[in-house]
Amino acid sequence: MDHTHLVNNGKRDLTLDELARMQPGMDRLMAEVGPRLHRCYHAAKAGNWPLAAYFSKSAVKQLALSAESRPKYEPEMTAYLRDDYAPVTAAIKAQDLEAFEQAWAVMVDRANVLHGFFGKPYIGWKTPLLPPDDLDLRAGLDS
C-alpha cells in the first residue's frame, strides 16, 4: 500500500518529505528575528510602546517557531524566552524604559552566549545604534 501523500504548492506536487526539506533553517529564521528586534528596541526608545509590543510579540512568535521547527534548539530557546526574553516583554507592558534597557542588555548578552553554546561564537548580535529609516517610530502617538 502506497502511503505517499502529495501537496500542491500551486506550481507542482510535492511529497511531505520534499516540503519538510524546504522549511527554513535557523539562519533564515534568525534573519527574520533581527529586524523585528531592531524595530522593537527603537520603538521602545521612541516611547511607542504599542509598536514595541507589536514587534516584540512578532519576534517571540519567530523564536518559538525556531524551537518547534528545530528541536535541537528547543530546551535552550524555551528557557531563553522564559528567563531572558520575558523581562523585556514585561518592561514593554509596563512602559518602563529603564527596566526595558536593563532587560534588553541581558537578553542580547544571553543570545550571544547561546550562539557560542551552539557552536557559532562568530555570531555576535548587537542592537543597531540607529533606528530603522523605513519606519515612522512615532506613528500613532500624536493622535
N, C-alpha and C. Protein backbone atom coordinates (compact mmCIF):
# COMPACT_ATOMS: atom_id res chain seq x y z
N MET A 1 0.84 -1.18 0.00
CA MET A 1 0.00 0.00 0.00
C MET A 1 0.89 1.25 0.00
N ASP A 2 0.59 2.18 -0.87
CA ASP A 2 1.37 3.42 -1.01
C ASP A 2 0.87 4.45 0.01
N HIS A 3 1.80 4.96 0.81
CA HIS A 3 1.45 5.97 1.81
C HIS A 3 2.06 7.33 1.47
N THR A 4 2.37 7.54 0.23
CA THR A 4 2.93 8.82 -0.17
C THR A 4 1.81 9.85 -0.28
N HIS A 5 1.94 10.90 0.46
CA HIS A 5 0.97 11.98 0.41
C HIS A 5 1.58 13.13 -0.37
N LEU A 6 0.78 13.71 -1.24
CA LEU A 6 1.25 14.83 -2.04
C LEU A 6 0.49 16.09 -1.66
N VAL A 7 1.19 17.19 -1.71
CA VAL A 7 0.58 18.51 -1.54
C VAL A 7 0.98 19.32 -2.76
N ASN A 8 0.18 20.30 -3.07
CA ASN A 8 0.49 21.12 -4.23
C ASN A 8 0.75 22.54 -3.76
N ASN A 9 1.87 23.11 -4.18
CA ASN A 9 2.22 24.48 -3.79
C ASN A 9 1.76 25.51 -4.82
N GLY A 10 0.90 25.10 -5.71
CA GLY A 10 0.43 25.98 -6.76
C GLY A 10 1.26 25.89 -8.02
N LYS A 11 2.38 25.25 -7.93
CA LYS A 11 3.28 25.10 -9.08
C LYS A 11 3.48 23.63 -9.44
N ARG A 12 3.56 22.78 -8.39
CA ARG A 12 3.77 21.36 -8.64
C ARG A 12 3.40 20.56 -7.40
N ASP A 13 3.28 19.26 -7.57
CA ASP A 13 3.04 18.37 -6.45
C ASP A 13 4.36 18.11 -5.72
N LEU A 14 4.27 18.06 -4.40
CA LEU A 14 5.43 17.80 -3.56
C LEU A 14 5.08 16.70 -2.57
N THR A 15 6.05 15.85 -2.26
CA THR A 15 5.83 14.90 -1.17
C THR A 15 5.99 15.67 0.13
N LEU A 16 5.50 15.08 1.20
CA LEU A 16 5.66 15.73 2.50
C LEU A 16 7.15 15.83 2.87
N ASP A 17 7.94 14.84 2.47
CA ASP A 17 9.38 14.91 2.73
C ASP A 17 10.02 16.08 1.99
N GLU A 18 9.62 16.30 0.75
CA GLU A 18 10.14 17.45 -0.01
C GLU A 18 9.74 18.76 0.65
N LEU A 19 8.51 18.82 1.08
CA LEU A 19 8.02 20.03 1.75
C LEU A 19 8.78 20.28 3.05
N ALA A 20 9.02 19.23 3.81
CA ALA A 20 9.76 19.36 5.06
C ALA A 20 11.18 19.87 4.83
N ARG A 21 11.83 19.42 3.77
CA ARG A 21 13.19 19.87 3.49
C ARG A 21 13.24 21.35 3.11
N MET A 22 12.12 21.90 2.69
CA MET A 22 12.08 23.33 2.31
C MET A 22 11.90 24.25 3.51
N GLN A 23 11.64 23.69 4.67
CA GLN A 23 11.43 24.54 5.84
C GLN A 23 12.72 25.27 6.18
N PRO A 24 12.59 26.52 6.62
CA PRO A 24 13.79 27.32 6.88
C PRO A 24 14.61 26.78 8.04
N GLY A 25 15.91 26.93 7.89
CA GLY A 25 16.83 26.61 8.98
C GLY A 25 16.97 27.81 9.90
N MET A 26 17.77 27.65 10.93
CA MET A 26 17.94 28.73 11.90
C MET A 26 18.49 30.00 11.26
N ASP A 27 19.32 29.84 10.23
CA ASP A 27 19.88 31.04 9.60
C ASP A 27 18.76 31.92 9.03
N ARG A 28 17.81 31.31 8.35
CA ARG A 28 16.70 32.09 7.77
C ARG A 28 15.75 32.59 8.85
N LEU A 29 15.50 31.76 9.85
CA LEU A 29 14.61 32.19 10.92
C LEU A 29 15.20 33.36 11.69
N MET A 30 16.47 33.30 11.99
CA MET A 30 17.12 34.39 12.73
C MET A 30 17.24 35.65 11.89
N ALA A 31 17.34 35.50 10.58
CA ALA A 31 17.39 36.68 9.71
C ALA A 31 16.08 37.46 9.78
N GLU A 32 15.02 36.80 10.17
CA GLU A 32 13.74 37.49 10.36
C GLU A 32 13.61 38.06 11.77
N VAL A 33 14.27 37.48 12.74
CA VAL A 33 14.19 37.96 14.11
C VAL A 33 14.94 39.28 14.27
N GLY A 34 16.12 39.38 13.69
CA GLY A 34 16.95 40.58 13.87
C GLY A 34 16.22 41.88 13.54
N PRO A 35 15.63 42.01 12.36
CA PRO A 35 14.93 43.26 12.05
C PRO A 35 13.74 43.53 12.98
N ARG A 36 13.07 42.49 13.43
CA ARG A 36 11.95 42.70 14.36
C ARG A 36 12.47 43.26 15.69
N LEU A 37 13.56 42.69 16.16
CA LEU A 37 14.12 43.18 17.42
C LEU A 37 14.67 44.60 17.27
N HIS A 38 15.28 44.89 16.13
CA HIS A 38 15.78 46.24 15.84
C HIS A 38 14.64 47.23 15.99
N ARG A 39 13.50 46.93 15.37
CA ARG A 39 12.35 47.82 15.41
C ARG A 39 11.74 47.88 16.81
N CYS A 40 11.70 46.76 17.49
CA CYS A 40 11.18 46.72 18.86
C CYS A 40 11.99 47.66 19.75
N TYR A 41 13.28 47.54 19.69
CA TYR A 41 14.15 48.35 20.55
C TYR A 41 13.96 49.84 20.29
N HIS A 42 14.01 50.22 19.05
CA HIS A 42 13.92 51.65 18.74
C HIS A 42 12.51 52.20 18.93
N ALA A 43 11.49 51.36 18.78
CA ALA A 43 10.14 51.81 19.09
C ALA A 43 10.02 52.10 20.59
N ALA A 44 10.58 51.24 21.42
CA ALA A 44 10.55 51.48 22.87
C ALA A 44 11.31 52.76 23.20
N LYS A 45 12.47 52.92 22.62
CA LYS A 45 13.26 54.14 22.87
C LYS A 45 12.50 55.40 22.46
N ALA A 46 11.66 55.29 21.42
CA ALA A 46 10.86 56.43 20.96
C ALA A 46 9.59 56.61 21.78
N GLY A 47 9.35 55.70 22.72
CA GLY A 47 8.15 55.78 23.55
C GLY A 47 6.90 55.26 22.86
N ASN A 48 7.07 54.54 21.77
CA ASN A 48 5.93 53.96 21.07
C ASN A 48 5.76 52.53 21.57
N TRP A 49 5.18 52.40 22.76
CA TRP A 49 5.04 51.10 23.41
C TRP A 49 4.15 50.14 22.65
N PRO A 50 3.06 50.60 22.02
CA PRO A 50 2.28 49.66 21.21
C PRO A 50 3.09 49.07 20.05
N LEU A 51 3.92 49.89 19.42
CA LEU A 51 4.75 49.39 18.32
C LEU A 51 5.83 48.45 18.85
N ALA A 52 6.42 48.80 19.98
CA ALA A 52 7.42 47.91 20.59
C ALA A 52 6.79 46.56 20.94
N ALA A 53 5.57 46.59 21.48
CA ALA A 53 4.87 45.35 21.82
C ALA A 53 4.58 44.53 20.58
N TYR A 54 4.18 45.20 19.52
CA TYR A 54 3.88 44.52 18.26
C TYR A 54 5.11 43.76 17.74
N PHE A 55 6.25 44.43 17.69
CA PHE A 55 7.46 43.77 17.18
C PHE A 55 8.01 42.75 18.16
N SER A 56 7.85 43.00 19.44
CA SER A 56 8.28 42.03 20.44
C SER A 56 7.50 40.73 20.29
N LYS A 57 6.17 40.85 20.17
CA LYS A 57 5.33 39.67 20.02
C LYS A 57 5.68 38.92 18.73
N SER A 58 5.95 39.66 17.67
CA SER A 58 6.32 39.05 16.41
C SER A 58 7.64 38.29 16.53
N ALA A 59 8.60 38.88 17.23
CA ALA A 59 9.89 38.21 17.43
C ALA A 59 9.71 36.94 18.27
N VAL A 60 8.87 37.01 19.30
CA VAL A 60 8.63 35.84 20.14
C VAL A 60 8.02 34.71 19.30
N LYS A 61 7.08 35.04 18.44
CA LYS A 61 6.49 34.02 17.56
C LYS A 61 7.56 33.36 16.70
N GLN A 62 8.46 34.16 16.17
CA GLN A 62 9.52 33.63 15.32
C GLN A 62 10.49 32.76 16.12
N LEU A 63 10.82 33.19 17.32
CA LEU A 63 11.72 32.41 18.17
C LEU A 63 11.06 31.09 18.59
N ALA A 64 9.77 31.14 18.90
CA ALA A 64 9.04 29.92 19.25
C ALA A 64 8.98 28.96 18.05
N LEU A 65 8.77 29.51 16.86
CA LEU A 65 8.79 28.70 15.65
C LEU A 65 10.16 28.04 15.47
N SER A 66 11.20 28.76 15.80
CA SER A 66 12.55 28.20 15.70
C SER A 66 12.69 26.97 16.59
N ALA A 67 12.18 27.09 17.80
CA ALA A 67 12.27 25.97 18.74
C ALA A 67 11.45 24.79 18.26
N GLU A 68 10.30 25.08 17.66
CA GLU A 68 9.42 24.00 17.19
C GLU A 68 9.98 23.31 15.95
N SER A 69 10.50 24.10 15.04
CA SER A 69 10.96 23.52 13.77
C SER A 69 12.37 22.95 13.86
N ARG A 70 13.13 23.36 14.83
CA ARG A 70 14.50 22.86 15.01
C ARG A 70 14.64 22.34 16.44
N PRO A 71 14.22 21.09 16.69
CA PRO A 71 14.14 20.56 18.05
C PRO A 71 15.43 20.61 18.85
N LYS A 72 16.58 20.58 18.19
CA LYS A 72 17.82 20.59 18.97
C LYS A 72 17.98 21.91 19.74
N TYR A 73 17.27 22.95 19.32
CA TYR A 73 17.35 24.24 19.99
C TYR A 73 16.25 24.44 21.03
N GLU A 74 15.29 23.52 21.08
CA GLU A 74 14.09 23.74 21.89
C GLU A 74 14.35 23.98 23.37
N PRO A 75 15.13 23.17 24.07
CA PRO A 75 15.28 23.41 25.51
C PRO A 75 15.87 24.80 25.81
N GLU A 76 16.91 25.15 25.08
CA GLU A 76 17.56 26.44 25.33
C GLU A 76 16.67 27.60 24.89
N MET A 77 15.96 27.44 23.77
CA MET A 77 15.10 28.52 23.29
C MET A 77 13.93 28.73 24.24
N THR A 78 13.36 27.65 24.73
CA THR A 78 12.26 27.77 25.69
C THR A 78 12.73 28.48 26.95
N ALA A 79 13.89 28.11 27.45
CA ALA A 79 14.45 28.76 28.64
C ALA A 79 14.77 30.23 28.35
N TYR A 80 15.29 30.50 27.17
CA TYR A 80 15.62 31.88 26.77
C TYR A 80 14.36 32.75 26.75
N LEU A 81 13.31 32.24 26.15
CA LEU A 81 12.07 33.01 26.08
C LEU A 81 11.50 33.24 27.49
N ARG A 82 11.59 32.24 28.33
CA ARG A 82 11.05 32.33 29.68
C ARG A 82 11.91 33.21 30.60
N ASP A 83 13.22 33.01 30.55
CA ASP A 83 14.10 33.64 31.53
C ASP A 83 14.73 34.95 31.05
N ASP A 84 15.04 35.03 29.77
CA ASP A 84 15.79 36.17 29.26
C ASP A 84 14.94 37.14 28.45
N TYR A 85 13.93 36.62 27.77
CA TYR A 85 13.10 37.50 26.94
C TYR A 85 11.88 38.02 27.69
N ALA A 86 11.31 37.25 28.58
CA ALA A 86 10.11 37.66 29.31
C ALA A 86 10.28 38.99 30.04
N PRO A 87 11.44 39.29 30.65
CA PRO A 87 11.58 40.60 31.29
C PRO A 87 11.50 41.77 30.30
N VAL A 88 11.91 41.54 29.06
CA VAL A 88 11.76 42.58 28.02
C VAL A 88 10.28 42.81 27.77
N THR A 89 9.54 41.72 27.61
CA THR A 89 8.09 41.82 27.39
C THR A 89 7.41 42.53 28.56
N ALA A 90 7.80 42.20 29.77
CA ALA A 90 7.20 42.82 30.96
C ALA A 90 7.50 44.31 31.01
N ALA A 91 8.71 44.69 30.66
CA ALA A 91 9.07 46.11 30.67
C ALA A 91 8.29 46.88 29.61
N ILE A 92 8.08 46.25 28.46
CA ILE A 92 7.27 46.90 27.42
C ILE A 92 5.85 47.09 27.94
N LYS A 93 5.29 46.05 28.52
CA LYS A 93 3.92 46.14 29.05
C LYS A 93 3.81 47.23 30.11
N ALA A 94 4.83 47.36 30.94
CA ALA A 94 4.84 48.38 31.99
C ALA A 94 5.23 49.76 31.47
N GLN A 95 5.65 49.81 30.22
CA GLN A 95 6.13 51.06 29.60
C GLN A 95 7.23 51.69 30.46
N ASP A 96 8.16 50.84 30.87
CA ASP A 96 9.26 51.24 31.76
C ASP A 96 10.57 51.17 30.97
N LEU A 97 11.02 52.32 30.51
CA LEU A 97 12.21 52.36 29.66
C LEU A 97 13.46 51.89 30.39
N GLU A 98 13.61 52.26 31.64
CA GLU A 98 14.80 51.84 32.39
C GLU A 98 14.83 50.31 32.53
N ALA A 99 13.72 49.72 32.92
CA ALA A 99 13.65 48.26 33.04
C ALA A 99 13.84 47.60 31.67
N PHE A 100 13.28 48.23 30.65
CA PHE A 100 13.43 47.70 29.29
C PHE A 100 14.90 47.64 28.90
N GLU A 101 15.62 48.74 29.10
CA GLU A 101 17.03 48.78 28.71
C GLU A 101 17.86 47.76 29.47
N GLN A 102 17.57 47.60 30.76
CA GLN A 102 18.30 46.61 31.55
C GLN A 102 18.00 45.19 31.06
N ALA A 103 16.71 44.90 30.86
CA ALA A 103 16.32 43.56 30.41
C ALA A 103 16.85 43.30 29.01
N TRP A 104 16.84 44.33 28.17
CA TRP A 104 17.33 44.18 26.80
C TRP A 104 18.80 43.79 26.79
N ALA A 105 19.60 44.45 27.61
CA ALA A 105 21.04 44.15 27.65
C ALA A 105 21.28 42.70 28.06
N VAL A 106 20.54 42.23 29.04
CA VAL A 106 20.66 40.83 29.48
C VAL A 106 20.25 39.90 28.34
N MET A 107 19.14 40.22 27.68
CA MET A 107 18.63 39.38 26.60
C MET A 107 19.66 39.25 25.47
N VAL A 108 20.25 40.38 25.07
CA VAL A 108 21.23 40.36 23.99
C VAL A 108 22.46 39.56 24.41
N ASP A 109 22.95 39.79 25.62
CA ASP A 109 24.12 39.04 26.10
C ASP A 109 23.85 37.54 26.10
N ARG A 110 22.68 37.16 26.57
CA ARG A 110 22.33 35.75 26.65
C ARG A 110 22.20 35.14 25.26
N ALA A 111 21.65 35.89 24.32
CA ALA A 111 21.55 35.40 22.94
C ALA A 111 22.94 35.06 22.41
N ASN A 112 23.89 35.91 22.68
CA ASN A 112 25.24 35.67 22.18
C ASN A 112 25.93 34.52 22.90
N VAL A 113 25.61 34.31 24.17
CA VAL A 113 26.10 33.11 24.86
C VAL A 113 25.56 31.87 24.16
N LEU A 114 24.28 31.91 23.81
CA LEU A 114 23.68 30.75 23.13
C LEU A 114 24.27 30.53 21.75
N HIS A 115 24.63 31.60 21.06
CA HIS A 115 25.31 31.42 19.77
C HIS A 115 26.57 30.57 19.98
N GLY A 116 27.34 30.91 20.99
CA GLY A 116 28.54 30.13 21.30
C GLY A 116 28.23 28.71 21.71
N PHE A 117 27.20 28.54 22.53
CA PHE A 117 26.80 27.22 23.00
C PHE A 117 26.49 26.31 21.82
N PHE A 118 25.89 26.86 20.77
CA PHE A 118 25.53 26.06 19.60
C PHE A 118 26.62 26.07 18.52
N GLY A 119 27.85 26.42 18.91
CA GLY A 119 28.98 26.29 18.00
C GLY A 119 29.14 27.42 17.00
N LYS A 120 28.51 28.54 17.30
CA LYS A 120 28.62 29.68 16.38
C LYS A 120 29.07 30.94 17.13
N PRO A 121 30.23 30.87 17.76
CA PRO A 121 30.69 32.02 18.54
C PRO A 121 31.01 33.23 17.67
N TYR A 122 31.07 33.02 16.38
CA TYR A 122 31.35 34.11 15.45
C TYR A 122 30.10 34.95 15.16
N ILE A 123 28.95 34.53 15.68
CA ILE A 123 27.74 35.34 15.56
C ILE A 123 27.60 36.14 16.84
N GLY A 124 27.74 37.43 16.72
CA GLY A 124 27.59 38.33 17.86
C GLY A 124 26.59 39.42 17.51
N TRP A 125 25.33 39.19 17.92
CA TRP A 125 24.29 40.17 17.60
C TRP A 125 24.43 41.37 18.51
N LYS A 126 24.18 42.52 17.96
CA LYS A 126 24.15 43.74 18.77
C LYS A 126 22.99 44.59 18.29
N THR A 127 22.55 45.44 19.17
CA THR A 127 21.44 46.32 18.84
C THR A 127 21.94 47.40 17.88
N PRO A 128 21.29 47.55 16.75
CA PRO A 128 21.69 48.63 15.83
C PRO A 128 21.57 49.99 16.52
N LEU A 129 22.59 50.80 16.35
CA LEU A 129 22.61 52.11 17.01
C LEU A 129 21.56 53.06 16.45
N LEU A 130 21.31 52.97 15.16
CA LEU A 130 20.38 53.90 14.52
C LEU A 130 19.02 53.23 14.33
N PRO A 131 17.96 54.00 14.50
CA PRO A 131 16.64 53.44 14.25
C PRO A 131 16.46 53.11 12.78
N PRO A 132 15.53 52.23 12.47
CA PRO A 132 15.29 51.90 11.06
C PRO A 132 14.81 53.14 10.32
N ASP A 133 15.30 53.35 9.12
CA ASP A 133 14.93 54.55 8.38
C ASP A 133 13.69 54.35 7.52
N ASP A 134 13.12 53.16 7.57
CA ASP A 134 11.92 52.89 6.77
C ASP A 134 10.65 52.81 7.62
N LEU A 135 10.72 53.26 8.86
CA LEU A 135 9.59 53.13 9.76
C LEU A 135 9.45 54.39 10.60
N ASP A 136 8.25 54.94 10.64
CA ASP A 136 7.97 56.09 11.50
C ASP A 136 7.70 55.58 12.90
N LEU A 137 8.68 55.71 13.76
CA LEU A 137 8.57 55.18 15.12
C LEU A 137 7.61 55.98 15.99
N ARG A 138 7.18 57.13 15.54
CA ARG A 138 6.24 57.97 16.30
C ARG A 138 4.81 57.85 15.77
N ALA A 139 4.61 57.00 14.77
CA ALA A 139 3.26 56.86 14.15
C ALA A 139 2.25 56.48 15.23
N GLY A 140 1.12 57.15 15.18
CA GLY A 140 0.03 56.85 16.11
C GLY A 140 0.15 57.50 17.46
N LEU A 141 1.25 58.16 17.76
CA LEU A 141 1.43 58.75 19.09
C LEU A 141 0.87 60.16 19.20
N ASP A 142 0.72 60.83 18.09
CA ASP A 142 0.29 62.24 18.12
C ASP A 142 -1.21 62.39 17.95
N SER A 143 -1.92 61.29 17.86
CA SER A 143 -3.35 61.41 17.62
C SER A 143 -4.16 61.27 18.88
